[in-house]
Amino acid sequence: MAINLEVAKAELGLEAGYSKPNFGFLSERSTILSALYKHMEPYGLRLMDLRLEHGGANVFDNQIVFYLFNYGMTVRIRVDRLEIACTELPKDHVEKVKSSIVDVFKALTDYRPEMRSCQ
């Protein structure tokens, strides 16, 4: 008996490590936030969805976090890497999620052109 399955939704996880840590991230937050807002506002980014998290004394705990698509996509920008997670990715959102991921990378390279080289 053959079973035909059609994917209705999926999950997506992406992690891109920088070639070297971006310590400027700790002191240049207004620049990176401006670049992020410029690129991500067309996808519905609201100021209330954008957070600066300070995890304590550890440099790696500092991050910028924002949500898109009604909290369906989480983006974390850290000193050493970029993390993107989509917990429930419906088929009809795939194209706008792909486009938004490209624009996250564009925002980072607007902020620091040398960030084009990820691992």
PDB file of N, CA and C in Angstrom:
ATOM      1  N   MET A   1       0.843  -1.164   0.000  1.00  0.00           N
ATOM      2  CA  MET A   1       0.000   0.000   0.000  1.00  0.00           C
ATOM      3  C   MET A   1       0.901   1.244   0.000  1.00  0.00           C
ATOM      4  N   ALA A   2       0.721   2.141  -0.935  1.00  0.00           N
ATOM      5  CA  ALA A   2       1.487   3.386  -1.027  1.00  0.00           C
ATOM      6  C   ALA A   2       0.813   4.467  -0.193  1.00  0.00           C
ATOM      7  N   ILE A   3       1.646   5.213   0.495  1.00  0.00           N
ATOM      8  CA  ILE A   3       1.132   6.326   1.298  1.00  0.00           C
ATOM      9  C   ILE A   3       1.686   7.614   0.720  1.00  0.00           C
ATOM     10  N   ASN A   4       0.810   8.508   0.352  1.00  0.00           N
ATOM     11  CA  ASN A   4       1.227   9.809  -0.175  1.00  0.00           C
ATOM     12  C   ASN A   4       1.151  10.838   0.944  1.00  0.00           C
ATOM     13  N   LEU A   5       2.281  11.461   1.214  1.00  0.00           N
ATOM     14  CA  LEU A   5       2.337  12.483   2.247  1.00  0.00           C
ATOM     15  C   LEU A   5       2.680  13.816   1.609  1.00  0.00           C
ATOM     16  N   GLU A   6       2.073  14.868   2.108  1.00  0.00           N
ATOM     17  CA  GLU A   6       2.392  16.212   1.650  1.00  0.00           C
ATOM     18  C   GLU A   6       2.764  17.043   2.869  1.00  0.00           C
ATOM     19  N   VAL A   7       3.896  17.709   2.774  1.00  0.00           N
ATOM     20  CA  VAL A   7       4.368  18.520   3.887  1.00  0.00           C
ATOM     21  C   VAL A   7       3.480  19.760   4.020  1.00  0.00           C
ATOM     22  N   ALA A   8       2.939  19.967   5.208  1.00  0.00           N
ATOM     23  CA  ALA A   8       2.101  21.133   5.469  1.00  0.00           C
ATOM     24  C   ALA A   8       2.900  22.241   6.137  1.00  0.00           C
ATOM     25  N   LYS A   9       3.847  21.851   6.989  1.00  0.00           N
ATOM     26  CA  LYS A   9       4.729  22.823   7.621  1.00  0.00           C
ATOM     27  C   LYS A   9       6.009  22.113   8.035  1.00  0.00           C
ATOM     28  N   ALA A  10       7.041  22.903   8.280  1.00  0.00           N
ATOM     29  CA  ALA A  10       8.344  22.346   8.607  1.00  0.00           C
ATOM     30  C   ALA A  10       9.018  23.237   9.645  1.00  0.00           C
ATOM     31  N   GLU A  11      10.213  22.833  10.059  1.00  0.00           N
ATOM     32  CA  GLU A  11      11.043  23.641  10.939  1.00  0.00           C
ATOM     33  C   GLU A  11      12.333  23.970  10.217  1.00  0.00           C
ATOM     34  N   LEU A  12      12.917  25.101  10.570  1.00  0.00           N
ATOM     35  CA  LEU A  12      14.154  25.532   9.936  1.00  0.00           C
ATOM     36  C   LEU A  12      15.093  26.049  11.009  1.00  0.00           C
ATOM     37  N   GLY A  13      16.340  25.634  10.949  1.00  0.00           N
ATOM     38  CA  GLY A  13      17.373  26.155  11.841  1.00  0.00           C
ATOM     39  C   GLY A  13      18.599  26.485  11.024  1.00  0.00           C
ATOM     40  N   LEU A  14      19.166  27.652  11.275  1.00  0.00           N
ATOM     41  CA  LEU A  14      20.347  28.092  10.536  1.00  0.00           C
ATOM     42  C   LEU A  14      21.317  28.727  11.530  1.00  0.00           C
ATOM     43  N   GLU A  15      22.579  28.360  11.422  1.00  0.00           N
ATOM     44  CA  GLU A  15      23.609  28.984  12.242  1.00  0.00           C
ATOM     45  C   GLU A  15      24.778  29.312  11.331  1.00  0.00           C
ATOM     46  N   ALA A  16      25.209  30.573  11.351  1.00  0.00           N
ATOM     47  CA  ALA A  16      26.343  31.023  10.545  1.00  0.00           C
ATOM     48  C   ALA A  16      27.380  31.617  11.489  1.00  0.00           C
ATOM     49  N   GLY A  17      28.540  30.983  11.555  1.00  0.00           N
ATOM     50  CA  GLY A  17      29.619  31.494  12.399  1.00  0.00           C
ATOM     51  C   GLY A  17      30.434  32.524  11.645  1.00  0.00           C
ATOM     52  N   TYR A  18      30.828  33.575  12.340  1.00  0.00           N
ATOM     53  CA  TYR A  18      31.658  34.602  11.723  1.00  0.00           C
ATOM     54  C   TYR A  18      33.103  34.097  11.673  1.00  0.00           C
ATOM     55  N   SER A  19      33.865  34.574  10.704  1.00  0.00           N
ATOM     56  CA  SER A  19      35.253  34.139  10.574  1.00  0.00           C
ATOM     57  C   SER A  19      36.098  34.563  11.779  1.00  0.00           C
ATOM     58  N   LYS A  20      35.708  35.643  12.444  1.00  0.00           N
ATOM     59  CA  LYS A  20      36.322  36.051  13.713  1.00  0.00           C
ATOM     60  C   LYS A  20      35.246  36.768  14.531  1.00  0.00           C
ATOM     61  N   PRO A  21      35.390  36.784  15.848  1.00  0.00           N
ATOM     62  CA  PRO A  21      34.371  37.424  16.679  1.00  0.00           C
ATOM     63  C   PRO A  21      34.198  38.901  16.323  1.00  0.00           C
ATOM     64  N   ASN A  22      32.972  39.347  16.399  1.00  0.00           N
ATOM     65  CA  ASN A  22      32.633  40.738  16.106  1.00  0.00           C
ATOM     66  C   ASN A  22      32.472  41.492  17.429  1.00  0.00           C
ATOM     67  N   PHE A  23      33.596  41.890  18.011  1.00  0.00           N
ATOM     68  CA  PHE A  23      33.546  42.577  19.300  1.00  0.00           C
ATOM     69  C   PHE A  23      32.958  43.980  19.180  1.00  0.00           C
ATOM     70  N   GLY A  24      32.968  44.566  17.991  1.00  0.00           N
ATOM     71  CA  GLY A  24      32.348  45.866  17.788  1.00  0.00           C
ATOM     72  C   GLY A  24      30.853  45.835  18.068  1.00  0.00           C
ATOM     73  N   PHE A  25      30.281  44.660  17.948  1.00  0.00           N
ATOM     74  CA  PHE A  25      28.861  44.445  18.229  1.00  0.00           C
ATOM     75  C   PHE A  25      28.489  44.944  19.632  1.00  0.00           C
ATOM     76  N   LEU A  26      29.421  44.826  20.572  1.00  0.00           N
ATOM     77  CA  LEU A  26      29.140  45.213  21.953  1.00  0.00           C
ATOM     78  C   LEU A  26      29.039  46.726  22.129  1.00  0.00           C
ATOM     79  N   SER A  27      29.746  47.486  21.288  1.00  0.00           N
ATOM     80  CA  SER A  27      29.752  48.944  21.469  1.00  0.00           C
ATOM     81  C   SER A  27      29.043  49.711  20.351  1.00  0.00           C
ATOM     82  N   GLU A  28      28.719  49.050  19.255  1.00  0.00           N
ATOM     83  CA  GLU A  28      28.126  49.724  18.090  1.00  0.00           C
ATOM     84  C   GLU A  28      26.680  49.287  17.864  1.00  0.00           C
ATOM     85  N   ARG A  29      25.955  49.107  18.908  1.00  0.00           N
ATOM     86  CA  ARG A  29      24.599  48.551  18.773  1.00  0.00           C
ATOM     87  C   ARG A  29      23.660  49.457  17.999  1.00  0.00           C
ATOM     88  N   SER A  30      23.806  50.775  18.126  1.00  0.00           N
ATOM     89  CA  SER A  30      22.881  51.653  17.395  1.00  0.00           C
ATOM     90  C   SER A  30      23.058  51.491  15.891  1.00  0.00           C
ATOM     91  N   THR A  31      24.280  51.261  15.441  1.00  0.00           N
ATOM     92  CA  THR A  31      24.539  51.076  14.011  1.00  0.00           C
ATOM     93  C   THR A  31      23.913  49.787  13.502  1.00  0.00           C
ATOM     94  N   ILE A  32      24.125  48.706  14.226  1.00  0.00           N
ATOM     95  CA  ILE A  32      23.565  47.421  13.782  1.00  0.00           C
ATOM     96  C   ILE A  32      22.041  47.429  13.899  1.00  0.00           C
ATOM     97  N   LEU A  33      21.502  48.061  14.937  1.00  0.00           N
ATOM     98  CA  LEU A  33      20.045  48.130  15.076  1.00  0.00           C
ATOM     99  C   LEU A  33      19.418  48.929  13.937  1.00  0.00           C
ATOM    100  N   SER A  34      20.073  50.008  13.528  1.00  0.00           N
ATOM    101  CA  SER A  34      19.567  50.804  12.394  1.00  0.00           C
ATOM    102  C   SER A  34      19.548  49.982  11.117  1.00  0.00           C
ATOM    103  N   ALA A  35      20.629  49.239  10.871  1.00  0.00           N
ATOM    104  CA  ALA A  35      20.693  48.398   9.671  1.00  0.00           C
ATOM    105  C   ALA A  35      19.637  47.301   9.717  1.00  0.00           C
ATOM    106  N   LEU A  36      19.479  46.675  10.863  1.00  0.00           N
ATOM    107  CA  LEU A  36      18.460  45.627  10.995  1.00  0.00           C
ATOM    108  C   LEU A  36      17.060  46.173  10.776  1.00  0.00           C
ATOM    109  N   TYR A  37      16.763  47.296  11.398  1.00  0.00           N
ATOM    110  CA  TYR A  37      15.422  47.852  11.269  1.00  0.00           C
ATOM    111  C   TYR A  37      15.128  48.243   9.820  1.00  0.00           C
ATOM    112  N   LYS A  38      16.114  48.834   9.160  1.00  0.00           N
ATOM    113  CA  LYS A  38      15.932  49.234   7.761  1.00  0.00           C
ATOM    114  C   LYS A  38      15.579  48.030   6.875  1.00  0.00           C
ATOM    115  N   HIS A  39      16.263  46.919   7.083  1.00  0.00           N
ATOM    116  CA  HIS A  39      16.043  45.744   6.235  1.00  0.00           C
ATOM    117  C   HIS A  39      14.868  44.885   6.678  1.00  0.00           C
ATOM    118  N   MET A  40      14.560  44.866   7.969  1.00  0.00           N
ATOM    119  CA  MET A  40      13.559  43.928   8.459  1.00  0.00           C
ATOM    120  C   MET A  40      12.174  44.540   8.691  1.00  0.00           C
ATOM    121  N   GLU A  41      12.087  45.849   8.743  1.00  0.00           N
ATOM    122  CA  GLU A  41      10.784  46.499   8.933  1.00  0.00           C
ATOM    123  C   GLU A  41       9.785  46.124   7.837  1.00  0.00           C
ATOM    124  N   PRO A  42      10.207  45.971   6.570  1.00  0.00           N
ATOM    125  CA  PRO A  42       9.231  45.542   5.557  1.00  0.00           C
ATOM    126  C   PRO A  42       8.620  44.156   5.817  1.00  0.00           C
ATOM    127  N   TYR A  43       9.269  43.357   6.657  1.00  0.00           N
ATOM    128  CA  TYR A  43       8.742  42.030   7.011  1.00  0.00           C
ATOM    129  C   TYR A  43       7.890  42.077   8.278  1.00  0.00           C
ATOM    130  N   GLY A  44       7.674  43.273   8.794  1.00  0.00           N
ATOM    131  CA  GLY A  44       6.821  43.421   9.961  1.00  0.00           C
ATOM    132  C   GLY A  44       7.566  43.580  11.270  1.00  0.00           C
ATOM    133  N   LEU A  45       8.881  43.813  11.243  1.00  0.00           N
ATOM    134  CA  LEU A  45       9.612  44.020  12.483  1.00  0.00           C
ATOM    135  C   LEU A  45       9.076  45.257  13.198  1.00  0.00           C
ATOM    136  N   ARG A  46       8.734  45.068  14.464  1.00  0.00           N
ATOM    137  CA  ARG A  46       8.273  46.170  15.303  1.00  0.00           C
ATOM    138  C   ARG A  46       9.304  46.383  16.408  1.00  0.00           C
ATOM    139  N   LEU A  47       9.389  47.592  16.897  1.00  0.00           N
ATOM    140  CA  LEU A  47      10.345  47.874  17.965  1.00  0.00           C
ATOM    141  C   LEU A  47      10.126  46.968  19.175  1.00  0.00           C
ATOM    142  N   MET A  48       8.872  46.640  19.454  1.00  0.00           N
ATOM    143  CA  MET A  48       8.587  45.780  20.610  1.00  0.00           C
ATOM    144  C   MET A  48       9.043  44.330  20.396  1.00  0.00           C
ATOM    145  N   ASP A  49       9.385  43.959  19.164  1.00  0.00           N
ATOM    146  CA  ASP A  49       9.875  42.609  18.875  1.00  0.00           C
ATOM    147  C   ASP A  49      11.401  42.540  18.873  1.00  0.00           C
ATOM    148  N   LEU A  50      12.051  43.642  19.150  1.00  0.00           N
ATOM    149  CA  LEU A  50      13.508  43.765  19.079  1.00  0.00           C
ATOM    150  C   LEU A  50      14.048  43.894  20.501  1.00  0.00           C
ATOM    151  N   ARG A  51      14.961  42.983  20.884  1.00  0.00           N
ATOM    152  CA  ARG A  51      15.468  42.988  22.259  1.00  0.00           C
ATOM    153  C   ARG A  51      16.988  42.956  22.290  1.00  0.00           C
ATOM    154  N   LEU A  52      17.552  43.655  23.249  1.00  0.00           N
ATOM    155  CA  LEU A  52      18.971  43.561  23.575  1.00  0.00           C
ATOM    156  C   LEU A  52      19.060  42.714  24.836  1.00  0.00           C
ATOM    157  N   GLU A  53      19.775  41.617  24.774  1.00  0.00           N
ATOM    158  CA  GLU A  53      19.886  40.749  25.939  1.00  0.00           C
ATOM    159  C   GLU A  53      21.317  40.747  26.432  1.00  0.00           C
ATOM    160  N   HIS A  54      21.468  41.001  27.721  1.00  0.00           N
ATOM    161  CA  HIS A  54      22.762  40.998  28.381  1.00  0.00           C
ATOM    162  C   HIS A  54      22.764  39.821  29.346  1.00  0.00           C
ATOM    163  N   GLY A  55      23.534  38.820  29.032  1.00  0.00           N
ATOM    164  CA  GLY A  55      23.496  37.597  29.823  1.00  0.00           C
ATOM    165  C   GLY A  55      24.402  37.583  31.027  1.00  0.00           C
ATOM    166  N   GLY A  56      25.048  38.658  31.324  1.00  0.00           N
ATOM    167  CA  GLY A  56      25.937  38.661  32.481  1.00  0.00           C
ATOM    168  C   GLY A  56      27.354  38.997  32.060  1.00  0.00           C
ATOM    169  N   ALA A  57      28.296  38.419  32.754  1.00  0.00           N
ATOM    170  CA  ALA A  57      29.708  38.744  32.523  1.00  0.00           C
ATOM    171  C   ALA A  57      30.276  38.084  31.264  1.00  0.00           C
ATOM    172  N   ASN A  58      29.672  37.024  30.791  1.00  0.00           N
ATOM    173  CA  ASN A  58      30.178  36.302  29.632  1.00  0.00           C
ATOM    174  C   ASN A  58      29.858  37.069  28.350  1.00  0.00           C
ATOM    175  N   VAL A  59      30.876  37.364  27.564  1.00  0.00           N
ATOM    176  CA  VAL A  59      30.707  38.106  26.304  1.00  0.00           C
ATOM    177  C   VAL A  59      29.737  37.382  25.377  1.00  0.00           C
ATOM    178  N   PHE A  60      29.783  36.069  25.366  1.00  0.00           N
ATOM    179  CA  PHE A  60      28.953  35.302  24.429  1.00  0.00           C
ATOM    180  C   PHE A  60      27.472  35.327  24.777  1.00  0.00           C
ATOM    181  N   ASP A  61      27.151  35.785  25.974  1.00  0.00           N
ATOM    182  CA  ASP A  61      25.743  35.849  26.366  1.00  0.00           C
ATOM    183  C   ASP A  61      25.045  37.105  25.870  1.00  0.00           C
ATOM    184  N   ASN A  62      25.787  38.085  25.358  1.00  0.00           N
ATOM    185  CA  ASN A  62      25.194  39.313  24.831  1.00  0.00           C
ATOM    186  C   ASN A  62      24.665  39.038  23.426  1.00  0.00           C
ATOM    187  N   GLN A  63      23.452  39.494  23.165  1.00  0.00           N
ATOM    188  CA  GLN A  63      22.853  39.233  21.859  1.00  0.00           C
ATOM    189  C   GLN A  63      21.738  40.220  21.553  1.00  0.00           C
ATOM    190  N   ILE A  64      21.460  40.325  20.266  1.00  0.00           N
ATOM    191  CA  ILE A  64      20.279  41.039  19.784  1.00  0.00           C
ATOM    192  C   ILE A  64      19.317  39.957  19.317  1.00  0.00           C
ATOM    193  N   VAL A  65      18.087  40.041  19.759  1.00  0.00           N
ATOM    194  CA  VAL A  65      17.073  39.051  19.401  1.00  0.00           C
ATOM    195  C   VAL A  65      15.876  39.786  18.829  1.00  0.00           C
ATOM    196  N   PHE A  66      15.333  39.252  17.726  1.00  0.00           N
ATOM    197  CA  PHE A  66      14.065  39.790  17.236  1.00  0.00           C
ATOM    198  C   PHE A  66      13.235  38.683  16.616  1.00  0.00           C
ATOM    199  N   TYR A  67      11.960  38.968  16.510  1.00  0.00           N
ATOM    200  CA  TYR A  67      10.973  38.005  16.036  1.00  0.00           C
ATOM    201  C   TYR A  67      10.266  38.572  14.816  1.00  0.00           C
ATOM    202  N   LEU A  68       9.947  37.687  13.907  1.00  0.00           N
ATOM    203  CA  LEU A  68       9.161  38.053  12.724  1.00  0.00           C
ATOM    204  C   LEU A  68       8.029  37.044  12.546  1.00  0.00           C
ATOM    205  N   PHE A  69       7.089  37.410  11.719  1.00  0.00           N
ATOM    206  CA  PHE A  69       6.001  36.515  11.309  1.00  0.00           C
ATOM    207  C   PHE A  69       5.242  35.943  12.512  1.00  0.00           C
ATOM    208  N   ASN A  70       4.797  36.880  13.366  1.00  0.00           N
ATOM    209  CA  ASN A  70       3.998  36.502  14.532  1.00  0.00           C
ATOM    210  C   ASN A  70       4.738  35.484  15.409  1.00  0.00           C
ATOM    211  N   TYR A  71       6.001  35.776  15.669  1.00  0.00           N
ATOM    212  CA  TYR A  71       6.882  34.959  16.504  1.00  0.00           C
ATOM    213  C   TYR A  71       7.218  33.602  15.884  1.00  0.00           C
ATOM    214  N   GLY A  72       6.968  33.442  14.602  1.00  0.00           N
ATOM    215  CA  GLY A  72       7.303  32.187  13.925  1.00  0.00           C
ATOM    216  C   GLY A  72       8.772  32.082  13.568  1.00  0.00           C
ATOM    217  N   MET A  73       9.473  33.204  13.533  1.00  0.00           N
ATOM    218  CA  MET A  73      10.896  33.222  13.193  1.00  0.00           C
ATOM    219  C   MET A  73      11.639  34.008  14.261  1.00  0.00           C
ATOM    220  N   THR A  74      12.680  33.413  14.815  1.00  0.00           N
ATOM    221  CA  THR A  74      13.519  34.054  15.826  1.00  0.00           C
ATOM    222  C   THR A  74      14.912  34.237  15.258  1.00  0.00           C
ATOM    223  N   VAL A  75      15.450  35.447  15.378  1.00  0.00           N
ATOM    224  CA  VAL A  75      16.798  35.749  14.916  1.00  0.00           C
ATOM    225  C   VAL A  75      17.612  36.182  16.122  1.00  0.00           C
ATOM    226  N   ARG A  76      18.782  35.558  16.301  1.00  0.00           N
ATOM    227  CA  ARG A  76      19.706  35.909  17.378  1.00  0.00           C
ATOM    228  C   ARG A  76      21.040  36.291  16.755  1.00  0.00           C
ATOM    229  N   ILE A  77      21.475  37.505  17.059  1.00  0.00           N
ATOM    230  CA  ILE A  77      22.766  37.974  16.565  1.00  0.00           C
ATOM    231  C   ILE A  77      23.695  38.036  17.772  1.00  0.00           C
ATOM    232  N   ARG A  78      24.753  37.243  17.706  1.00  0.00           N
ATOM    233  CA  ARG A  78      25.698  37.142  18.808  1.00  0.00           C
ATOM    234  C   ARG A  78      27.067  37.651  18.352  1.00  0.00           C
ATOM    235  N   VAL A  79      27.985  37.734  19.283  1.00  0.00           N
ATOM    236  CA  VAL A  79      29.339  38.205  18.985  1.00  0.00           C
ATOM    237  C   VAL A  79      30.034  37.289  17.981  1.00  0.00           C
ATOM    238  N   ASP A  80      29.736  35.989  18.037  1.00  0.00           N
ATOM    239  CA  ASP A  80      30.461  35.022  17.208  1.00  0.00           C
ATOM    240  C   ASP A  80      29.626  34.347  16.122  1.00  0.00           C
ATOM    241  N   ARG A  81      28.311  34.591  16.103  1.00  0.00           N
ATOM    242  CA  ARG A  81      27.492  33.878  15.121  1.00  0.00           C
ATOM    243  C   ARG A  81      26.092  34.488  14.996  1.00  0.00           C
ATOM    244  N   LEU A  82      25.417  34.061  13.945  1.00  0.00           N
ATOM    245  CA  LEU A  82      24.025  34.409  13.685  1.00  0.00           C
ATOM    246  C   LEU A  82      23.222  33.119  13.774  1.00  0.00           C
ATOM    247  N   GLU A  83      22.101  33.167  14.475  1.00  0.00           N
ATOM    248  CA  GLU A  83      21.218  32.009  14.587  1.00  0.00           C
ATOM    249  C   GLU A  83      19.813  32.410  14.145  1.00  0.00           C
ATOM    250  N   ILE A  84      19.210  31.584  13.311  1.00  0.00           N
ATOM    251  CA  ILE A  84      17.838  31.814  12.867  1.00  0.00           C
ATOM    252  C   ILE A  84      17.062  30.518  13.067  1.00  0.00           C
ATOM    253  N   ALA A  85      15.894  30.622  13.663  1.00  0.00           N
ATOM    254  CA  ALA A  85      15.055  29.445  13.884  1.00  0.00           C
ATOM    255  C   ALA A  85      13.615  29.768  13.520  1.00  0.00           C
ATOM    256  N   CYS A  86      13.019  28.874  12.770  1.00  0.00           N
ATOM    257  CA  CYS A  86      11.586  28.942  12.456  1.00  0.00           C
ATOM    258  C   CYS A  86      10.981  27.670  13.023  1.00  0.00           C
ATOM    259  N   THR A  87      10.151  27.818  14.026  1.00  0.00           N
ATOM    260  CA  THR A  87       9.609  26.645  14.700  1.00  0.00           C
ATOM    261  C   THR A  87       8.471  25.999  13.921  1.00  0.00           C
ATOM    262  N   GLU A  88       7.668  26.789  13.296  1.00  0.00           N
ATOM    263  CA  GLU A  88       6.609  26.252  12.450  1.00  0.00           C
ATOM    264  C   GLU A  88       6.600  27.055  11.162  1.00  0.00           C
ATOM    265  N   LEU A  89       7.031  26.429  10.115  1.00  0.00           N
ATOM    266  CA  LEU A  89       7.164  27.111   8.825  1.00  0.00           C
ATOM    267  C   LEU A  89       6.142  26.541   7.846  1.00  0.00           C
ATOM    268  N   PRO A  90       4.990  27.204   7.750  1.00  0.00           N
ATOM    269  CA  PRO A  90       3.993  26.745   6.783  1.00  0.00           C
ATOM    270  C   PRO A  90       4.499  26.903   5.348  1.00  0.00           C
ATOM    271  N   LYS A  91       4.006  26.062   4.484  1.00  0.00           N
ATOM    272  CA  LYS A  91       4.442  26.071   3.085  1.00  0.00           C
ATOM    273  C   LYS A  91       4.247  27.434   2.427  1.00  0.00           C
ATOM    274  N   ASP A  92       3.191  28.140   2.772  1.00  0.00           N
ATOM    275  CA  ASP A  92       2.913  29.423   2.138  1.00  0.00           C
ATOM    276  C   ASP A  92       3.791  30.564   2.667  1.00  0.00           C
ATOM    277  N   HIS A  93       4.647  30.305   3.685  1.00  0.00           N
ATOM    278  CA  HIS A  93       5.560  31.322   4.204  1.00  0.00           C
ATOM    279  C   HIS A  93       7.005  31.124   3.745  1.00  0.00           C
ATOM    280  N   VAL A  94       7.292  30.057   3.016  1.00  0.00           N
ATOM    281  CA  VAL A  94       8.674  29.712   2.663  1.00  0.00           C
ATOM    282  C   VAL A  94       9.363  30.839   1.897  1.00  0.00           C
ATOM    283  N   GLU A  95       8.713  31.410   0.916  1.00  0.00           N
ATOM    284  CA  GLU A  95       9.360  32.448   0.102  1.00  0.00           C
ATOM    285  C   GLU A  95       9.670  33.705   0.907  1.00  0.00           C
ATOM    286  N   LYS A  96       8.739  34.151   1.748  1.00  0.00           N
ATOM    287  CA  LYS A  96       9.023  35.362   2.522  1.00  0.00           C
ATOM    288  C   LYS A  96      10.052  35.093   3.610  1.00  0.00           C
ATOM    289  N   VAL A  97      10.114  33.892   4.139  1.00  0.00           N
ATOM    290  CA  VAL A  97      11.158  33.548   5.110  1.00  0.00           C
ATOM    291  C   VAL A  97      12.515  33.520   4.427  1.00  0.00           C
ATOM    292  N   LYS A  98      12.589  32.916   3.244  1.00  0.00           N
ATOM    293  CA  LYS A  98      13.854  32.909   2.498  1.00  0.00           C
ATOM    294  C   LYS A  98      14.318  34.328   2.220  1.00  0.00           C
ATOM    295  N   SER A  99      13.428  35.157   1.776  1.00  0.00           N
ATOM    296  CA  SER A  99      13.756  36.543   1.480  1.00  0.00           C
ATOM    297  C   SER A  99      14.208  37.297   2.732  1.00  0.00           C
ATOM    298  N   SER A 100      13.550  37.056   3.846  1.00  0.00           N
ATOM    299  CA  SER A 100      13.920  37.743   5.084  1.00  0.00           C
ATOM    300  C   SER A 100      15.294  37.287   5.582  1.00  0.00           C
ATOM    301  N   ILE A 101      15.632  36.022   5.396  1.00  0.00           N
ATOM    302  CA  ILE A 101      16.955  35.532   5.793  1.00  0.00           C
ATOM    303  C   ILE A 101      18.038  36.220   4.977  1.00  0.00           C
ATOM    304  N   VAL A 102      17.817  36.359   3.681  1.00  0.00           N
ATOM    305  CA  VAL A 102      18.771  37.083   2.831  1.00  0.00           C
ATOM    306  C   VAL A 102      18.927  38.515   3.330  1.00  0.00           C
ATOM    307  N   ASP A 103      17.828  39.142   3.725  1.00  0.00           N
ATOM    308  CA  ASP A 103      17.891  40.521   4.196  1.00  0.00           C
ATOM    309  C   ASP A 103      18.549  40.653   5.565  1.00  0.00           C
ATOM    310  N   VAL A 104      18.488  39.625   6.398  1.00  0.00           N
ATOM    311  CA  VAL A 104      19.254  39.649   7.648  1.00  0.00           C
ATOM    312  C   VAL A 104      20.748  39.712   7.318  1.00  0.00           C
ATOM    313  N   PHE A 105      21.177  38.879   6.370  1.00  0.00           N
ATOM    314  CA  PHE A 105      22.588  38.903   5.955  1.00  0.00           C
ATOM    315  C   PHE A 105      22.955  40.255   5.330  1.00  0.00           C
ATOM    316  N   LYS A 106      22.039  40.829   4.557  1.00  0.00           N
ATOM    317  CA  LYS A 106      22.299  42.157   3.980  1.00  0.00           C
ATOM    318  C   LYS A 106      22.463  43.203   5.074  1.00  0.00           C
ATOM    319  N   ALA A 107      21.630  43.139   6.099  1.00  0.00           N
ATOM    320  CA  ALA A 107      21.738  44.091   7.209  1.00  0.00           C
ATOM    321  C   ALA A 107      23.085  43.952   7.909  1.00  0.00           C
ATOM    322  N   LEU A 108      23.531  42.722   8.124  1.00  0.00           N
ATOM    323  CA  LEU A 108      24.817  42.509   8.779  1.00  0.00           C
ATOM    324  C   LEU A 108      25.977  43.013   7.925  1.00  0.00           C
ATOM    325  N   THR A 109      25.889  42.806   6.620  1.00  0.00           N
ATOM    326  CA  THR A 109      26.987  43.278   5.766  1.00  0.00           C
ATOM    327  C   THR A 109      26.909  44.782   5.536  1.00  0.00           C
ATOM    328  N   ASP A 110      25.723  45.390   5.655  1.00  0.00           N
ATOM    329  CA  ASP A 110      25.636  46.850   5.659  1.00  0.00           C
ATOM    330  C   ASP A 110      26.339  47.398   6.901  1.00  0.00           C
ATOM    331  N   TYR A 111      26.118  46.717   8.008  1.00  0.00           N
ATOM    332  CA  TYR A 111      26.712  47.119   9.279  1.00  0.00           C
ATOM    333  C   TYR A 111      28.233  46.941   9.241  1.00  0.00           C
ATOM    334  N   ARG A 112      28.690  45.805   8.771  1.00  0.00           N
ATOM    335  CA  ARG A 112      30.123  45.509   8.679  1.00  0.00           C
ATOM    336  C   ARG A 112      30.374  44.707   7.409  1.00  0.00           C
ATOM    337  N   PRO A 113      30.866  45.345   6.342  1.00  0.00           N
ATOM    338  CA  PRO A 113      31.096  44.635   5.079  1.00  0.00           C
ATOM    339  C   PRO A 113      32.011  43.421   5.193  1.00  0.00           C
ATOM    340  N   GLU A 114      32.930  43.421   6.137  1.00  0.00           N
ATOM    341  CA  GLU A 114      33.831  42.263   6.286  1.00  0.00           C
ATOM    342  C   GLU A 114      33.107  41.031   6.807  1.00  0.00           C
ATOM    343  N   MET A 115      31.837  41.172   7.230  1.00  0.00           N
ATOM    344  CA  MET A 115      31.089  40.022   7.712  1.00  0.00           C
ATOM    345  C   MET A 115      30.563  39.144   6.570  1.00  0.00           C
ATOM    346  N   ARG A 116      30.906  39.490   5.347  1.00  0.00           N
ATOM    347  CA  ARG A 116      30.497  38.649   4.219  1.00  0.00           C
ATOM    348  C   ARG A 116      31.093  37.255   4.316  1.00  0.00           C
ATOM    349  N   SER A 117      32.209  37.116   4.981  1.00  0.00           N
ATOM    350  CA  SER A 117      32.879  35.811   5.051  1.00  0.00           C
ATOM    351  C   SER A 117      32.456  35.087   6.322  1.00  0.00           C
ATOM    352  N   CYS A 118      31.436  34.247   6.201  1.00  0.00           N
ATOM    353  CA  CYS A 118      30.997  33.407   7.306  1.00  0.00           C
ATOM    354  C   CYS A 118      31.598  32.026   7.128  1.00  0.00           C
ATOM    355  N   GLN A 119      31.673  31.266   8.211  1.00  0.00           N
ATOM    356  CA  GLN A 119      32.220  29.914   8.154  1.00  0.00           C
ATOM    357  C   GLN A 119      31.188  28.960   7.601  1.00  0.00           C
TER     358      GLN A 119
END
